Structures are given as C-alpha cells and as structure tokens.
Amino acid sequence: MTTSTTAENVMIGMGRGSLRARIDSYFTQLGLGVNAAGLARARLREIIVLESQSDDRLAELGLTREQILPHVFRDLFGD
C-alpha cells in the first residue's frame, strides 16, 4: 500500500497559532476575496523556510517575523 502526503495534510505550528491560520488572517486583513489556499500552497515552502529562521537571521535578511507573509506575497500585494 502506498501512502502519499500533501501540504493539505500537514499541520505546522510556529508557536503563535498554526501557519495556515496566520496565512488566512493575512489575506483577511487585506480584505481580498481571493482563494488564499491556492496562493499559499504555491508559496508554502518559502514561508516555511523563512518561519524556521531565527529572529536574528530574519533581521540579517531585513525582515521581521511579521513581515514574512507580506514579503512572500509582495509581487501580488505590494505596499
């Protein structure tokens, strides 16, 4: 029997609620009627890589933890 796992089945917690909830909240705050699941799935790897970095490493990259989602989606929703 072969078992496959997709990002849909992965629960990722970063200490302040699930990553999926944070992504949903980000899109809600933008007030956009978009399907956030498709956008998030396409960029989940980059989000996870950045979320796994220390605050010091994020600072070296010029980011705070709160800026990760705006950074990842900057080409779609520029400031």
N, C-alpha and C. Protein backbone atom coordinates (compact mmCIF):
# COMPACT_ATOMS: atom_id res chain seq x y z
N MET A 1 0.84 -1.17 0.00
CA MET A 1 0.00 0.00 0.00
C MET A 1 0.89 1.24 0.00
N THR A 2 0.60 2.16 -0.89
CA THR A 2 1.37 3.39 -0.99
C THR A 2 0.60 4.52 -0.32
N THR A 3 1.30 5.27 0.48
CA THR A 3 0.69 6.40 1.16
C THR A 3 1.36 7.68 0.67
N SER A 4 0.57 8.67 0.34
CA SER A 4 1.16 9.94 -0.04
C SER A 4 0.63 11.02 0.88
N THR A 5 1.46 12.00 1.12
CA THR A 5 1.09 13.11 1.98
C THR A 5 1.25 14.40 1.20
N THR A 6 0.28 15.27 1.32
CA THR A 6 0.38 16.57 0.65
C THR A 6 0.41 17.66 1.71
N ALA A 7 0.68 18.88 1.27
CA ALA A 7 0.70 20.02 2.18
C ALA A 7 -0.65 20.22 2.84
N GLU A 8 -1.72 19.75 2.21
CA GLU A 8 -3.05 19.88 2.77
C GLU A 8 -3.16 19.12 4.10
N ASN A 9 -2.37 18.07 4.26
CA ASN A 9 -2.47 17.21 5.44
C ASN A 9 -1.46 17.56 6.52
N VAL A 10 -0.65 18.57 6.30
CA VAL A 10 0.42 18.92 7.23
C VAL A 10 -0.05 20.04 8.14
N MET A 11 0.14 19.86 9.43
CA MET A 11 -0.19 20.90 10.41
C MET A 11 1.11 21.47 10.91
N ILE A 12 1.32 22.74 10.68
CA ILE A 12 2.56 23.38 11.06
C ILE A 12 2.25 24.45 12.09
N GLY A 13 2.85 24.33 13.24
CA GLY A 13 2.68 25.34 14.28
C GLY A 13 4.00 26.06 14.49
N MET A 14 3.94 27.36 14.61
CA MET A 14 5.16 28.14 14.81
C MET A 14 5.15 28.85 16.15
N GLY A 15 4.40 28.35 17.12
CA GLY A 15 4.42 28.93 18.44
C GLY A 15 3.35 29.97 18.69
N ARG A 16 2.77 30.52 17.66
CA ARG A 16 1.74 31.54 17.83
C ARG A 16 0.54 31.20 16.95
N GLY A 17 0.10 29.98 17.01
CA GLY A 17 -1.01 29.56 16.18
C GLY A 17 -0.48 28.86 14.93
N SER A 18 -1.36 28.21 14.25
CA SER A 18 -0.93 27.45 13.08
C SER A 18 -0.55 28.38 11.94
N LEU A 19 0.33 27.92 11.11
CA LEU A 19 0.76 28.69 9.95
C LEU A 19 -0.42 28.94 9.02
N ARG A 20 -1.26 27.96 8.84
CA ARG A 20 -2.43 28.11 7.97
C ARG A 20 -3.34 29.23 8.49
N ALA A 21 -3.54 29.31 9.80
CA ALA A 21 -4.38 30.36 10.38
C ALA A 21 -3.75 31.73 10.17
N ARG A 22 -2.43 31.81 10.28
CA ARG A 22 -1.74 33.09 10.06
C ARG A 22 -1.87 33.53 8.62
N ILE A 23 -1.76 32.59 7.68
CA ILE A 23 -1.91 32.93 6.27
C ILE A 23 -3.33 33.39 5.99
N ASP A 24 -4.31 32.68 6.50
CA ASP A 24 -5.71 33.07 6.33
C ASP A 24 -5.96 34.46 6.90
N SER A 25 -5.41 34.73 8.07
CA SER A 25 -5.57 36.03 8.70
C SER A 25 -4.95 37.14 7.86
N TYR A 26 -3.80 36.86 7.27
CA TYR A 26 -3.13 37.84 6.41
C TYR A 26 -4.04 38.24 5.25
N PHE A 27 -4.62 37.26 4.58
CA PHE A 27 -5.49 37.57 3.45
C PHE A 27 -6.78 38.25 3.90
N THR A 28 -7.28 37.89 5.06
CA THR A 28 -8.47 38.54 5.60
C THR A 28 -8.19 40.01 5.87
N GLN A 29 -7.03 40.30 6.43
CA GLN A 29 -6.66 41.69 6.72
C GLN A 29 -6.54 42.51 5.45
N LEU A 30 -6.14 41.87 4.36
CA LEU A 30 -6.06 42.59 3.09
C LEU A 30 -7.45 42.88 2.53
N GLY A 31 -8.45 42.17 3.03
CA GLY A 31 -9.82 42.39 2.58
C GLY A 31 -10.05 41.91 1.16
N LEU A 32 -9.33 40.91 0.75
CA LEU A 32 -9.43 40.43 -0.62
C LEU A 32 -10.30 39.19 -0.70
N GLY A 33 -11.10 39.13 -1.71
CA GLY A 33 -11.91 37.94 -1.95
C GLY A 33 -11.18 36.98 -2.86
N VAL A 34 -10.04 36.51 -2.41
CA VAL A 34 -9.25 35.57 -3.21
C VAL A 34 -9.25 34.21 -2.53
N ASN A 35 -8.93 33.20 -3.30
CA ASN A 35 -8.79 31.87 -2.73
C ASN A 35 -7.37 31.75 -2.19
N ALA A 36 -7.23 32.02 -0.93
CA ALA A 36 -5.91 32.04 -0.31
C ALA A 36 -5.24 30.67 -0.31
N ALA A 37 -6.01 29.61 -0.33
CA ALA A 37 -5.43 28.27 -0.26
C ALA A 37 -4.51 28.01 -1.45
N GLY A 38 -4.93 28.36 -2.63
CA GLY A 38 -4.10 28.14 -3.81
C GLY A 38 -2.84 28.98 -3.81
N LEU A 39 -2.97 30.22 -3.40
CA LEU A 39 -1.81 31.10 -3.33
C LEU A 39 -0.83 30.63 -2.27
N ALA A 40 -1.34 30.26 -1.13
CA ALA A 40 -0.49 29.82 -0.03
C ALA A 40 0.22 28.51 -0.38
N ARG A 41 -0.51 27.58 -0.98
CA ARG A 41 0.08 26.28 -1.33
C ARG A 41 1.27 26.47 -2.27
N ALA A 42 1.16 27.39 -3.21
CA ALA A 42 2.23 27.61 -4.17
C ALA A 42 3.48 28.19 -3.52
N ARG A 43 3.33 28.87 -2.40
CA ARG A 43 4.46 29.56 -1.76
C ARG A 43 4.77 29.02 -0.37
N LEU A 44 4.16 27.91 -0.01
CA LEU A 44 4.31 27.36 1.33
C LEU A 44 5.76 27.05 1.68
N ARG A 45 6.51 26.53 0.73
CA ARG A 45 7.91 26.17 1.01
C ARG A 45 8.71 27.42 1.44
N GLU A 46 8.53 28.53 0.71
CA GLU A 46 9.26 29.76 1.07
C GLU A 46 8.83 30.27 2.44
N ILE A 47 7.53 30.19 2.73
CA ILE A 47 7.03 30.61 4.04
C ILE A 47 7.65 29.77 5.15
N ILE A 48 7.66 28.47 4.96
CA ILE A 48 8.21 27.56 5.98
C ILE A 48 9.70 27.82 6.19
N VAL A 49 10.44 28.01 5.11
CA VAL A 49 11.88 28.28 5.23
C VAL A 49 12.11 29.55 6.05
N LEU A 50 11.37 30.60 5.74
CA LEU A 50 11.55 31.85 6.48
C LEU A 50 11.08 31.72 7.92
N GLU A 51 9.94 31.06 8.15
CA GLU A 51 9.43 30.88 9.52
C GLU A 51 10.40 30.08 10.38
N SER A 52 11.18 29.21 9.77
CA SER A 52 12.10 28.36 10.54
C SER A 52 13.39 29.09 10.93
N GLN A 53 13.60 30.28 10.38
CA GLN A 53 14.81 31.05 10.70
C GLN A 53 14.68 31.72 12.06
N SER A 54 15.82 31.98 12.67
CA SER A 54 15.82 32.71 13.94
C SER A 54 15.49 34.18 13.67
N ASP A 55 15.10 34.89 14.71
CA ASP A 55 14.82 36.32 14.55
C ASP A 55 16.08 37.07 14.11
N ASP A 56 17.24 36.64 14.60
CA ASP A 56 18.49 37.27 14.19
C ASP A 56 18.75 37.08 12.69
N ARG A 57 18.50 35.87 12.21
CA ARG A 57 18.70 35.59 10.77
C ARG A 57 17.71 36.39 9.93
N LEU A 58 16.46 36.47 10.39
CA LEU A 58 15.48 37.28 9.67
C LEU A 58 15.93 38.74 9.61
N ALA A 59 16.48 39.24 10.70
CA ALA A 59 16.98 40.62 10.73
C ALA A 59 18.09 40.81 9.70
N GLU A 60 18.96 39.82 9.55
CA GLU A 60 20.02 39.88 8.55
C GLU A 60 19.42 39.98 7.14
N LEU A 61 18.26 39.37 6.95
CA LEU A 61 17.57 39.41 5.66
C LEU A 61 16.71 40.67 5.51
N GLY A 62 16.69 41.49 6.57
CA GLY A 62 15.91 42.71 6.53
C GLY A 62 14.43 42.50 6.80
N LEU A 63 14.11 41.42 7.51
CA LEU A 63 12.72 41.07 7.79
C LEU A 63 12.48 40.90 9.28
N THR A 64 11.25 41.17 9.68
CA THR A 64 10.78 40.74 11.00
C THR A 64 9.84 39.57 10.75
N ARG A 65 9.52 38.85 11.77
CA ARG A 65 8.63 37.71 11.62
C ARG A 65 7.27 38.14 11.05
N GLU A 66 6.80 39.33 11.45
CA GLU A 66 5.51 39.83 10.98
C GLU A 66 5.56 40.22 9.50
N GLN A 67 6.74 40.41 8.96
CA GLN A 67 6.88 40.80 7.56
C GLN A 67 7.03 39.63 6.60
N ILE A 68 7.06 38.41 7.11
CA ILE A 68 7.28 37.25 6.25
C ILE A 68 6.17 37.12 5.21
N LEU A 69 4.92 37.11 5.61
CA LEU A 69 3.84 36.92 4.63
C LEU A 69 3.77 38.07 3.62
N PRO A 70 3.83 39.33 4.06
CA PRO A 70 3.87 40.39 3.05
C PRO A 70 5.06 40.25 2.10
N HIS A 71 6.19 39.78 2.60
CA HIS A 71 7.37 39.60 1.77
C HIS A 71 7.14 38.50 0.73
N VAL A 72 6.60 37.38 1.16
CA VAL A 72 6.39 36.25 0.25
C VAL A 72 5.37 36.58 -0.84
N PHE A 73 4.37 37.38 -0.50
CA PHE A 73 3.32 37.72 -1.47
C PHE A 73 3.49 39.13 -2.05
N ARG A 74 4.68 39.71 -1.92
CA ARG A 74 4.91 41.11 -2.31
C ARG A 74 4.62 41.37 -3.78
N ASP A 75 4.84 40.40 -4.64
CA ASP A 75 4.58 40.62 -6.06
C ASP A 75 3.09 40.72 -6.38
N LEU A 76 2.27 40.15 -5.50
CA LEU A 76 0.82 40.19 -5.71
C LEU A 76 0.15 41.36 -5.02
N PHE A 77 0.66 41.69 -3.84
CA PHE A 77 0.02 42.70 -3.00
C PHE A 77 1.05 43.68 -2.47
N GLY A 78 1.68 44.41 -3.34
CA GLY A 78 2.70 45.37 -2.93
C GLY A 78 2.13 46.45 -2.04
N ASP A 79 2.99 46.98 -1.19
CA ASP A 79 2.56 48.04 -0.27
C ASP A 79 2.20 49.30 -1.01
